[in-house]
């Protein structure tokens, strides 16, 4: 190829490239004006009404339209279908990415972490221990069988060799004493 032929080929490529860029920009402007509302509404439903993500998907869809402008059919029905399909695929990719990525957690320094205050719980335990120590043996035995060993009233009565009603009355009296002691400490 001679110098003139090479120069003509370069000129045609430059004109073609400039024309196709202009053509692509016109297409994207047309697509934005004609389909933005429908595309936005469609994507908004797919993203769970995340407006920021929806804007990003619409923008990415239009960028892909610009990149593929030479291959797109100019029929508005075909363009609308193509845009909605591309947008749906972008959203699906986004959901997959979000599911594959581990959940982010906020890092805190050990100095700023607060330990739970267990003072009230420790104090209550001390009061309960003191009050139980002041209860009679029969009341302590009823509490031990039901609350500590987890037995039912019937099982506790069998283990202690006393009627069920007696176990109930001893538990009732013991609980009254415990509640009164805790109220005094509060």
N, C-alpha and C. Protein backbone atom coordinates (compact mmCIF):
# COMPACT_ATOMS: atom_id res chain seq x y z
N UNK A 1 0.85 -1.16 0.00
CA UNK A 1 0.00 0.00 0.00
C UNK A 1 0.91 1.23 0.00
N UNK A 2 0.59 2.20 -0.85
CA UNK A 2 1.41 3.41 -0.93
C UNK A 2 1.02 4.39 0.17
N UNK A 3 1.74 5.48 0.25
CA UNK A 3 1.52 6.47 1.29
C UNK A 3 0.14 7.11 1.18
N UNK A 4 -0.30 7.34 -0.06
CA UNK A 4 -1.61 7.96 -0.25
C UNK A 4 -2.72 7.01 0.19
N UNK A 5 -2.58 5.72 -0.15
CA UNK A 5 -3.57 4.72 0.26
C UNK A 5 -3.63 4.58 1.77
N UNK A 6 -2.45 4.60 2.44
CA UNK A 6 -2.41 4.52 3.89
C UNK A 6 -3.05 5.72 4.54
N UNK A 7 -2.80 6.89 3.98
CA UNK A 7 -3.38 8.12 4.52
C UNK A 7 -4.90 8.11 4.37
N UNK A 8 -5.40 7.62 3.22
CA UNK A 8 -6.85 7.54 3.03
C UNK A 8 -7.49 6.56 4.01
N UNK A 9 -6.83 5.43 4.23
CA UNK A 9 -7.36 4.44 5.18
C UNK A 9 -7.40 5.02 6.59
N UNK A 10 -6.33 5.72 6.99
CA UNK A 10 -6.31 6.35 8.31
C UNK A 10 -7.43 7.39 8.43
N UNK A 11 -7.62 8.17 7.35
CA UNK A 11 -8.67 9.19 7.36
C UNK A 11 -10.06 8.56 7.49
N UNK A 12 -10.30 7.46 6.76
CA UNK A 12 -11.60 6.77 6.86
C UNK A 12 -11.83 6.23 8.27
N UNK A 13 -10.78 5.62 8.86
CA UNK A 13 -10.91 5.10 10.23
C UNK A 13 -11.22 6.24 11.20
N UNK A 14 -10.52 7.37 11.04
CA UNK A 14 -10.74 8.52 11.92
C UNK A 14 -12.16 9.05 11.76
N UNK A 15 -12.63 9.19 10.53
CA UNK A 15 -13.99 9.68 10.27
C UNK A 15 -15.00 8.67 10.79
N UNK A 16 -14.75 7.37 10.55
CA UNK A 16 -15.65 6.32 11.02
C UNK A 16 -15.70 6.30 12.54
N UNK A 17 -14.55 6.41 13.17
CA UNK A 17 -14.49 6.41 14.63
C UNK A 17 -15.22 7.62 15.18
N UNK A 18 -14.99 8.79 14.59
CA UNK A 18 -15.65 10.01 15.05
C UNK A 18 -17.16 9.90 14.83
N UNK A 19 -17.57 9.35 13.71
CA UNK A 19 -18.99 9.18 13.41
C UNK A 19 -19.63 8.18 14.36
N UNK A 20 -18.94 7.06 14.61
CA UNK A 20 -19.51 6.05 15.50
C UNK A 20 -19.58 6.56 16.94
N UNK A 21 -18.61 7.36 17.37
CA UNK A 21 -18.67 7.93 18.73
C UNK A 21 -19.86 8.87 18.84
N UNK A 22 -20.03 9.71 17.79
CA UNK A 22 -21.16 10.63 17.79
C UNK A 22 -22.46 9.85 17.77
N UNK A 23 -22.49 8.82 16.98
CA UNK A 23 -23.66 7.95 16.87
C UNK A 23 -23.99 7.30 18.22
N UNK A 24 -22.96 6.81 18.91
CA UNK A 24 -23.14 6.17 20.21
C UNK A 24 -23.66 7.17 21.24
N UNK A 25 -23.10 8.38 21.24
CA UNK A 25 -23.54 9.39 22.19
C UNK A 25 -24.99 9.79 21.94
N UNK A 26 -25.36 9.91 20.67
CA UNK A 26 -26.75 10.23 20.34
C UNK A 26 -27.69 9.12 20.80
N UNK A 27 -27.25 7.89 20.61
CA UNK A 27 -28.07 6.75 21.02
C UNK A 27 -28.29 6.76 22.53
N UNK A 28 -27.23 6.97 23.29
CA UNK A 28 -27.35 6.96 24.75
C UNK A 28 -28.24 8.11 25.21
N UNK A 29 -28.09 9.28 24.60
CA UNK A 29 -28.95 10.42 24.95
C UNK A 29 -30.42 10.09 24.66
N UNK A 30 -30.64 9.45 23.52
CA UNK A 30 -32.00 9.05 23.14
C UNK A 30 -32.54 8.00 24.11
N UNK A 31 -31.73 7.03 24.44
CA UNK A 31 -32.16 5.97 25.37
C UNK A 31 -32.47 6.55 26.75
N UNK A 32 -31.62 7.47 27.21
CA UNK A 32 -31.84 8.09 28.52
C UNK A 32 -33.16 8.84 28.54
N UNK A 33 -33.39 9.62 27.51
CA UNK A 33 -34.63 10.40 27.46
C UNK A 33 -35.87 9.54 27.33
N UNK A 34 -35.77 8.48 26.55
CA UNK A 34 -36.94 7.67 26.24
C UNK A 34 -37.23 6.60 27.29
N UNK A 35 -36.19 6.00 27.87
CA UNK A 35 -36.40 4.83 28.72
C UNK A 35 -35.98 5.00 30.19
N UNK A 36 -35.45 6.15 30.57
CA UNK A 36 -34.94 6.30 31.94
C UNK A 36 -36.00 6.01 32.99
N UNK A 37 -37.20 6.56 32.84
CA UNK A 37 -38.27 6.36 33.83
C UNK A 37 -38.65 4.90 33.99
N UNK A 38 -38.89 4.24 32.87
CA UNK A 38 -39.27 2.82 32.92
C UNK A 38 -38.14 1.97 33.47
N UNK A 39 -36.92 2.28 33.04
CA UNK A 39 -35.75 1.53 33.50
C UNK A 39 -35.55 1.73 35.00
N UNK A 40 -35.67 2.97 35.45
CA UNK A 40 -35.49 3.26 36.88
C UNK A 40 -36.54 2.53 37.71
N UNK A 41 -37.80 2.59 37.30
CA UNK A 41 -38.88 1.93 38.04
C UNK A 41 -38.67 0.43 38.09
N UNK A 42 -38.27 -0.15 36.97
CA UNK A 42 -38.03 -1.59 36.91
C UNK A 42 -36.89 -1.99 37.86
N UNK A 43 -35.80 -1.26 37.79
CA UNK A 43 -34.62 -1.59 38.61
C UNK A 43 -34.89 -1.32 40.09
N UNK A 44 -35.66 -0.29 40.40
CA UNK A 44 -35.96 0.04 41.79
C UNK A 44 -36.64 -1.15 42.48
N UNK A 45 -37.54 -1.80 41.78
CA UNK A 45 -38.18 -2.99 42.35
C UNK A 45 -37.21 -4.14 42.52
N UNK A 46 -36.27 -4.27 41.61
CA UNK A 46 -35.30 -5.37 41.70
C UNK A 46 -34.28 -5.18 42.82
N UNK A 47 -33.99 -3.94 43.16
CA UNK A 47 -32.97 -3.65 44.18
C UNK A 47 -33.56 -3.52 45.57
N UNK A 48 -34.84 -3.82 45.73
CA UNK A 48 -35.46 -3.68 47.06
C UNK A 48 -35.61 -2.22 47.44
N UNK A 49 -35.83 -1.35 46.45
CA UNK A 49 -36.05 0.09 46.64
C UNK A 49 -34.81 0.81 47.18
N UNK A 50 -33.64 0.30 46.84
CA UNK A 50 -32.38 0.97 47.18
C UNK A 50 -32.10 1.98 46.07
N UNK A 51 -32.37 3.25 46.32
CA UNK A 51 -32.28 4.28 45.28
C UNK A 51 -30.85 4.47 44.77
N UNK A 52 -29.87 4.43 45.65
CA UNK A 52 -28.48 4.61 45.22
C UNK A 52 -28.05 3.48 44.30
N UNK A 53 -28.36 2.25 44.69
CA UNK A 53 -28.01 1.10 43.88
C UNK A 53 -28.75 1.17 42.54
N UNK A 54 -30.00 1.59 42.57
CA UNK A 54 -30.79 1.72 41.35
C UNK A 54 -30.14 2.71 40.39
N UNK A 55 -29.72 3.86 40.90
CA UNK A 55 -29.04 4.85 40.06
C UNK A 55 -27.77 4.26 39.44
N UNK A 56 -27.02 3.51 40.23
CA UNK A 56 -25.80 2.89 39.73
C UNK A 56 -26.09 1.88 38.62
N UNK A 57 -27.15 1.09 38.79
CA UNK A 57 -27.52 0.08 37.79
C UNK A 57 -27.97 0.75 36.50
N UNK A 58 -28.78 1.80 36.60
CA UNK A 58 -29.25 2.52 35.41
C UNK A 58 -28.04 3.11 34.67
N UNK A 59 -27.13 3.70 35.41
CA UNK A 59 -25.94 4.27 34.78
C UNK A 59 -25.10 3.19 34.10
N UNK A 60 -24.89 2.08 34.76
CA UNK A 60 -24.11 0.98 34.17
C UNK A 60 -24.81 0.43 32.93
N UNK A 61 -26.12 0.35 32.96
CA UNK A 61 -26.89 -0.14 31.81
C UNK A 61 -26.68 0.78 30.61
N UNK A 62 -26.73 2.08 30.84
CA UNK A 62 -26.54 3.03 29.75
C UNK A 62 -25.09 3.01 29.23
N UNK A 63 -24.15 2.78 30.11
CA UNK A 63 -22.75 2.65 29.67
C UNK A 63 -22.61 1.44 28.76
N UNK A 64 -23.25 0.34 29.12
CA UNK A 64 -23.19 -0.86 28.27
C UNK A 64 -23.89 -0.63 26.94
N UNK A 65 -24.94 0.16 26.94
CA UNK A 65 -25.61 0.50 25.68
C UNK A 65 -24.66 1.31 24.80
N UNK A 66 -23.95 2.24 25.40
CA UNK A 66 -22.98 3.04 24.66
C UNK A 66 -21.87 2.15 24.09
N UNK A 67 -21.38 1.21 24.91
CA UNK A 67 -20.32 0.31 24.46
C UNK A 67 -20.77 -0.60 23.32
N UNK A 68 -22.06 -0.95 23.31
CA UNK A 68 -22.59 -1.87 22.29
C UNK A 68 -23.45 -1.16 21.25
N UNK A 69 -23.30 0.14 21.12
CA UNK A 69 -24.19 0.92 20.25
C UNK A 69 -24.16 0.46 18.80
N UNK A 70 -23.04 -0.02 18.33
CA UNK A 70 -22.94 -0.45 16.94
C UNK A 70 -23.75 -1.72 16.68
N UNK A 71 -23.98 -2.53 17.71
CA UNK A 71 -24.68 -3.80 17.55
C UNK A 71 -26.17 -3.75 17.88
N UNK A 72 -26.63 -2.63 18.45
CA UNK A 72 -28.02 -2.56 18.90
C UNK A 72 -28.96 -2.27 17.74
N UNK A 73 -30.11 -2.92 17.78
CA UNK A 73 -31.18 -2.68 16.81
C UNK A 73 -31.93 -1.44 17.27
N UNK A 74 -32.27 -0.55 16.34
CA UNK A 74 -32.85 0.75 16.69
C UNK A 74 -34.35 0.71 16.96
N UNK A 75 -34.97 -0.42 16.91
CA UNK A 75 -36.41 -0.54 17.19
C UNK A 75 -36.61 -0.29 18.69
N UNK A 76 -37.48 0.69 19.07
CA UNK A 76 -37.67 1.02 20.49
C UNK A 76 -38.09 -0.18 21.35
N UNK A 77 -38.89 -1.09 20.82
CA UNK A 77 -39.29 -2.28 21.60
C UNK A 77 -38.09 -3.17 21.88
N UNK A 78 -37.23 -3.31 20.89
CA UNK A 78 -36.02 -4.13 21.07
C UNK A 78 -35.06 -3.47 22.04
N UNK A 79 -34.91 -2.15 21.93
CA UNK A 79 -34.02 -1.42 22.82
C UNK A 79 -34.50 -1.51 24.27
N UNK A 80 -35.80 -1.33 24.47
CA UNK A 80 -36.36 -1.41 25.83
C UNK A 80 -36.12 -2.79 26.43
N UNK A 81 -36.39 -3.83 25.67
CA UNK A 81 -36.15 -5.19 26.15
C UNK A 81 -34.68 -5.44 26.46
N UNK A 82 -33.81 -4.93 25.59
CA UNK A 82 -32.37 -5.11 25.80
C UNK A 82 -31.94 -4.41 27.09
N UNK A 83 -32.39 -3.17 27.27
CA UNK A 83 -32.03 -2.41 28.47
C UNK A 83 -32.52 -3.09 29.76
N UNK A 84 -33.76 -3.55 29.76
CA UNK A 84 -34.31 -4.21 30.95
C UNK A 84 -33.57 -5.51 31.26
N UNK A 85 -33.21 -6.24 30.22
CA UNK A 85 -32.47 -7.49 30.42
C UNK A 85 -31.08 -7.22 30.98
N UNK A 86 -30.39 -6.25 30.41
CA UNK A 86 -29.05 -5.91 30.91
C UNK A 86 -29.13 -5.44 32.36
N UNK A 87 -30.11 -4.59 32.65
CA UNK A 87 -30.26 -4.07 34.02
C UNK A 87 -30.53 -5.21 35.00
N UNK A 88 -31.41 -6.14 34.62
CA UNK A 88 -31.73 -7.28 35.49
C UNK A 88 -30.48 -8.11 35.76
N UNK A 89 -29.67 -8.32 34.73
CA UNK A 89 -28.44 -9.11 34.91
C UNK A 89 -27.44 -8.38 35.81
N UNK A 90 -27.37 -7.07 35.70
CA UNK A 90 -26.48 -6.30 36.58
C UNK A 90 -26.94 -6.43 38.03
N UNK A 91 -28.24 -6.36 38.26
CA UNK A 91 -28.78 -6.50 39.63
C UNK A 91 -28.49 -7.90 40.15
N UNK A 92 -28.70 -8.92 39.33
CA UNK A 92 -28.43 -10.30 39.77
C UNK A 92 -26.96 -10.45 40.14
N UNK A 93 -26.08 -9.90 39.33
CA UNK A 93 -24.65 -9.95 39.66
C UNK A 93 -24.37 -9.24 40.98
N UNK A 94 -25.06 -8.11 41.20
CA UNK A 94 -24.89 -7.38 42.46
C UNK A 94 -25.34 -8.18 43.67
N UNK A 95 -26.51 -8.87 43.54
CA UNK A 95 -26.99 -9.71 44.65
C UNK A 95 -26.00 -10.83 44.93
N UNK A 96 -25.49 -11.45 43.88
CA UNK A 96 -24.53 -12.55 44.07
C UNK A 96 -23.26 -12.05 44.74
N UNK A 97 -22.81 -10.89 44.34
CA UNK A 97 -21.60 -10.32 44.95
C UNK A 97 -21.84 -10.04 46.43
N UNK A 98 -23.00 -9.49 46.74
CA UNK A 98 -23.31 -9.18 48.14
C UNK A 98 -23.40 -10.44 48.99
N UNK A 99 -23.93 -11.52 48.42
CA UNK A 99 -24.05 -12.77 49.18
C UNK A 99 -22.71 -13.45 49.35
N UNK A 100 -21.83 -13.29 48.38
CA UNK A 100 -20.53 -13.95 48.44
C UNK A 100 -19.56 -13.24 49.38
N UNK A 101 -19.76 -11.94 49.55
CA UNK A 101 -18.87 -11.15 50.40
C UNK A 101 -19.24 -11.34 51.86
N UNK A 102 -18.26 -11.55 52.74
CA UNK A 102 -18.59 -11.71 54.16
C UNK A 102 -19.18 -10.42 54.73
N UNK A 103 -20.00 -10.61 55.74
CA UNK A 103 -20.64 -9.48 56.41
C UNK A 103 -19.58 -8.59 57.03
N UNK A 104 -19.70 -7.29 56.80
CA UNK A 104 -18.74 -6.35 57.37
C UNK A 104 -19.11 -6.06 58.82
N UNK A 105 -18.09 -5.98 59.66
CA UNK A 105 -18.31 -5.64 61.06
C UNK A 105 -17.43 -4.46 61.42
N UNK A 106 -17.91 -3.69 62.35
CA UNK A 106 -17.15 -2.53 62.78
C UNK A 106 -16.07 -2.99 63.76
N UNK A 107 -14.85 -2.56 63.51
CA UNK A 107 -13.76 -2.90 64.40
C UNK A 107 -13.71 -1.89 65.54
N UNK A 108 -13.54 -2.39 66.73
CA UNK A 108 -13.41 -1.50 67.88
C UNK A 108 -12.15 -1.89 68.62
N UNK A 109 -11.55 -0.93 69.23
CA UNK A 109 -10.35 -1.21 69.99
C UNK A 109 -10.75 -1.82 71.34
N UNK A 110 -9.90 -2.68 71.88
CA UNK A 110 -10.24 -3.30 73.18
C UNK A 110 -10.44 -2.27 74.29
N UNK A 111 -9.79 -1.10 74.17
CA UNK A 111 -9.93 -0.08 75.20
C UNK A 111 -11.33 0.52 75.22
N UNK A 112 -11.98 0.58 74.04
CA UNK A 112 -13.28 1.21 73.98
C UNK A 112 -14.42 0.24 74.25
N UNK A 113 -14.13 -1.04 74.33
CA UNK A 113 -15.19 -2.02 74.59
C UNK A 113 -15.57 -1.98 76.06
N UNK A 114 -16.87 -2.01 76.31
CA UNK A 114 -17.36 -1.99 77.68
C UNK A 114 -17.72 -3.39 78.11
N UNK A 115 -17.29 -3.75 79.31
CA UNK A 115 -17.66 -5.04 79.87
C UNK A 115 -19.00 -4.87 80.57
N UNK A 116 -19.86 -5.86 80.47
CA UNK A 116 -21.17 -5.74 81.13
C UNK A 116 -20.99 -5.65 82.65
N UNK A 117 -21.81 -4.82 83.25
CA UNK A 117 -21.74 -4.63 84.70
C UNK A 117 -22.52 -5.76 85.37
N UNK A 118 -21.81 -6.62 86.04
CA UNK A 118 -22.43 -7.77 86.69
C UNK A 118 -22.55 -7.56 88.20
N UNK A 119 -22.39 -6.34 88.64
CA UNK A 119 -22.46 -6.03 90.07
C UNK A 119 -23.82 -6.35 90.65
N UNK A 120 -24.89 -5.92 89.95
CA UNK A 120 -26.25 -6.17 90.44
C UNK A 120 -26.53 -7.67 90.55
N UNK A 121 -26.09 -8.41 89.56
CA UNK A 121 -26.32 -9.85 89.58
C UNK A 121 -25.56 -10.51 90.73
N UNK A 122 -24.33 -10.08 90.95
CA UNK A 122 -23.53 -10.65 92.04
C UNK A 122 -24.14 -10.29 93.39
N UNK A 123 -24.60 -9.05 93.53
CA UNK A 123 -25.22 -8.62 94.78
C UNK A 123 -26.51 -9.40 95.05
N UNK A 124 -27.33 -9.58 94.01
CA UNK A 124 -28.56 -10.35 94.17
C UNK A 124 -28.25 -11.78 94.59
N UNK A 125 -27.24 -12.37 93.99
CA UNK A 125 -26.86 -13.74 94.35
C UNK A 125 -26.41 -13.82 95.81
N UNK A 126 -25.68 -12.81 96.26
CA UNK A 126 -25.23 -12.80 97.66
C UNK A 126 -26.43 -12.69 98.61
N UNK A 127 -27.38 -11.82 98.26
CA UNK A 127 -28.56 -11.64 99.10
C UNK A 127 -29.37 -12.92 99.14
N UNK A 128 -29.58 -13.53 97.97
CA UNK A 128 -30.35 -14.78 97.92
C UNK A 128 -29.67 -15.86 98.74
N UNK A 129 -28.34 -15.97 98.64
CA UNK A 129 -27.60 -16.98 99.40
C UNK A 129 -27.76 -16.76 100.90
N UNK A 130 -27.68 -15.50 101.33
CA UNK A 130 -27.85 -15.18 102.75
C UNK A 130 -29.26 -15.51 103.23
N UNK A 131 -30.27 -15.14 102.44
CA UNK A 131 -31.65 -15.38 102.83
C UNK A 131 -31.94 -16.88 102.85
N UNK A 132 -31.46 -17.61 101.86
CA UNK A 132 -31.68 -19.06 101.85
C UNK A 132 -31.02 -19.70 103.08
N UNK A 133 -29.87 -19.15 103.48
CA UNK A 133 -29.21 -19.66 104.69
C UNK A 133 -30.05 -19.45 105.94
N UNK A 134 -30.90 -18.43 105.94
CA UNK A 134 -31.76 -18.15 107.09
C UNK A 134 -33.06 -18.95 107.07
N UNK A 135 -33.38 -19.54 105.92
CA UNK A 135 -34.60 -20.34 105.83
C UNK A 135 -34.44 -21.63 106.63
N UNK A 136 -35.55 -22.19 106.99
CA UNK A 136 -35.51 -23.48 107.67
C UNK A 136 -35.12 -24.58 106.68
N UNK A 137 -34.70 -25.71 107.24
CA UNK A 137 -34.24 -26.84 106.42
C UNK A 137 -35.33 -27.31 105.46
N UNK A 138 -36.59 -27.34 105.89
CA UNK A 138 -37.67 -27.83 105.04
C UNK A 138 -37.91 -26.91 103.83
N UNK A 139 -37.76 -25.59 104.03
CA UNK A 139 -37.92 -24.64 102.93
C UNK A 139 -36.74 -24.75 101.94
N UNK A 140 -35.52 -24.87 102.48
CA UNK A 140 -34.34 -25.03 101.61
C UNK A 140 -34.44 -26.31 100.78
N UNK A 141 -34.94 -27.39 101.39
CA UNK A 141 -35.06 -28.67 100.68
C UNK A 141 -36.06 -28.54 99.52
N UNK A 142 -37.17 -27.83 99.73
CA UNK A 142 -38.18 -27.65 98.68
C UNK A 142 -37.60 -26.81 97.52
N UNK A 143 -36.84 -25.77 97.85
CA UNK A 143 -36.19 -24.94 96.81
C UNK A 143 -35.16 -25.77 96.06
N UNK A 144 -34.36 -26.53 96.79
CA UNK A 144 -33.31 -27.33 96.16
C UNK A 144 -33.92 -28.34 95.18
N UNK A 145 -34.94 -29.04 95.59
CA UNK A 145 -35.53 -30.08 94.73
C UNK A 145 -36.20 -29.49 93.48
N UNK A 146 -36.84 -28.34 93.63
CA UNK A 146 -37.57 -27.79 92.48
C UNK A 146 -36.71 -26.87 91.60
N UNK A 147 -36.03 -25.91 92.18
CA UNK A 147 -35.28 -24.93 91.39
C UNK A 147 -33.88 -25.41 91.01
N UNK A 148 -33.19 -26.05 91.91
CA UNK A 148 -31.82 -26.48 91.62
C UNK A 148 -31.82 -27.78 90.82
N UNK A 149 -32.58 -28.77 91.26
CA UNK A 149 -32.60 -30.06 90.56
C UNK A 149 -33.61 -30.10 89.42
N UNK A 150 -34.49 -29.10 89.34
CA UNK A 150 -35.43 -29.00 88.23
C UNK A 150 -36.57 -30.00 88.28
N UNK A 151 -36.93 -30.45 89.44
CA UNK A 151 -38.02 -31.42 89.56
C UNK A 151 -39.37 -30.72 89.61
N UNK A 152 -40.39 -31.45 89.23
CA UNK A 152 -41.75 -30.94 89.34
C UNK A 152 -42.17 -31.02 90.80
N UNK A 153 -43.31 -30.43 91.13
CA UNK A 153 -43.84 -30.48 92.50
C UNK A 153 -44.05 -31.93 92.92
N UNK A 154 -44.63 -32.71 92.01
CA UNK A 154 -44.90 -34.12 92.30
C UNK A 154 -43.61 -34.89 92.57
N UNK A 155 -42.59 -34.66 91.71
CA UNK A 155 -41.30 -35.36 91.89
C UNK A 155 -40.61 -34.93 93.18
N UNK A 156 -40.68 -33.64 93.51
CA UNK A 156 -40.07 -33.14 94.74
C UNK A 156 -40.77 -33.74 95.96
N UNK A 157 -42.10 -33.86 95.89
CA UNK A 157 -42.86 -34.44 97.00
C UNK A 157 -42.45 -35.89 97.22
N UNK A 158 -42.28 -36.65 96.13
CA UNK A 158 -41.84 -38.04 96.25
C UNK A 158 -40.44 -38.13 96.84
N UNK A 159 -39.52 -37.24 96.37
CA UNK A 159 -38.14 -37.27 96.86
C UNK A 159 -38.06 -36.88 98.33
N UNK A 160 -38.90 -35.95 98.77
CA UNK A 160 -38.87 -35.49 100.15
C UNK A 160 -39.77 -36.33 101.07
N UNK A 161 -40.64 -37.12 100.47
CA UNK A 161 -41.54 -37.95 101.26
C UNK A 161 -42.64 -37.17 101.94
N UNK A 162 -43.10 -36.10 101.32
CA UNK A 162 -44.16 -35.27 101.88
C UNK A 162 -45.23 -35.04 100.80
N UNK A 163 -46.44 -34.60 101.20
CA UNK A 163 -47.49 -34.35 100.21
C UNK A 163 -47.14 -33.17 99.29
N UNK A 164 -47.74 -33.20 98.09
CA UNK A 164 -47.49 -32.15 97.10
C UNK A 164 -47.91 -30.78 97.64
N UNK A 165 -49.02 -30.71 98.34
CA UNK A 165 -49.49 -29.44 98.90
C UNK A 165 -48.49 -28.83 99.86
N UNK A 166 -47.80 -29.67 100.62
CA UNK A 166 -46.79 -29.18 101.57
C UNK A 166 -45.61 -28.58 100.80
N UNK A 167 -45.21 -29.22 99.71
CA UNK A 167 -44.10 -28.69 98.89
C UNK A 167 -44.51 -27.32 98.35
N UNK A 168 -45.74 -27.22 97.86
CA UNK A 168 -46.22 -25.94 97.31
C UNK A 168 -46.22 -24.84 98.37
N UNK A 169 -46.71 -25.16 99.56
CA UNK A 169 -46.78 -24.12 100.60
C UNK A 169 -45.38 -23.71 101.08
N UNK A 170 -44.45 -24.67 101.15
CA UNK A 170 -43.08 -24.32 101.55
C UNK A 170 -42.40 -23.45 100.49
N UNK A 171 -42.62 -23.76 99.21
CA UNK A 171 -42.06 -22.93 98.13
C UNK A 171 -42.66 -21.54 98.16
N UNK A 172 -43.96 -21.45 98.38
CA UNK A 172 -44.63 -20.17 98.41
C UNK A 172 -44.05 -19.30 99.53
N UNK A 173 -43.91 -19.89 100.71
CA UNK A 173 -43.38 -19.14 101.87
C UNK A 173 -41.93 -18.73 101.63
N UNK A 174 -41.12 -19.63 101.07
CA UNK A 174 -39.71 -19.33 100.80
C UNK A 174 -39.59 -18.19 99.78
N UNK A 175 -40.43 -18.21 98.75
CA UNK A 175 -40.38 -17.17 97.73
C UNK A 175 -40.82 -15.82 98.29
N UNK A 176 -41.77 -15.81 99.19
CA UNK A 176 -42.19 -14.56 99.83
C UNK A 176 -41.02 -13.97 100.61
N UNK A 177 -40.32 -14.81 101.34
CA UNK A 177 -39.18 -14.35 102.14
C UNK A 177 -38.08 -13.79 101.22
N UNK A 178 -37.78 -14.51 100.12
CA UNK A 178 -36.75 -14.06 99.18
C UNK A 178 -37.13 -12.72 98.54
N UNK A 179 -38.38 -12.59 98.08
CA UNK A 179 -38.81 -11.35 97.46
C UNK A 179 -38.71 -10.17 98.44
N UNK A 180 -39.11 -10.41 99.67
CA UNK A 180 -39.03 -9.35 100.68
C UNK A 180 -37.59 -8.92 100.91
N UNK A 181 -36.67 -9.87 100.98
CA UNK A 181 -35.26 -9.54 101.19
C UNK A 181 -34.68 -8.75 100.02
N UNK A 182 -35.05 -9.13 98.80
CA UNK A 182 -34.57 -8.43 97.61
C UNK A 182 -35.15 -7.01 97.54
N UNK A 183 -36.40 -6.85 97.95
CA UNK A 183 -37.00 -5.51 97.97
C UNK A 183 -36.28 -4.61 98.97
N UNK A 184 -35.89 -5.16 100.11
CA UNK A 184 -35.19 -4.38 101.13
C UNK A 184 -33.84 -3.90 100.61
N UNK A 185 -33.16 -4.71 99.81
CA UNK A 185 -31.83 -4.37 99.29
C UNK A 185 -31.91 -3.38 98.12
N UNK A 186 -33.05 -3.28 97.44
CA UNK A 186 -33.17 -2.40 96.27
C UNK A 186 -33.30 -0.97 96.64
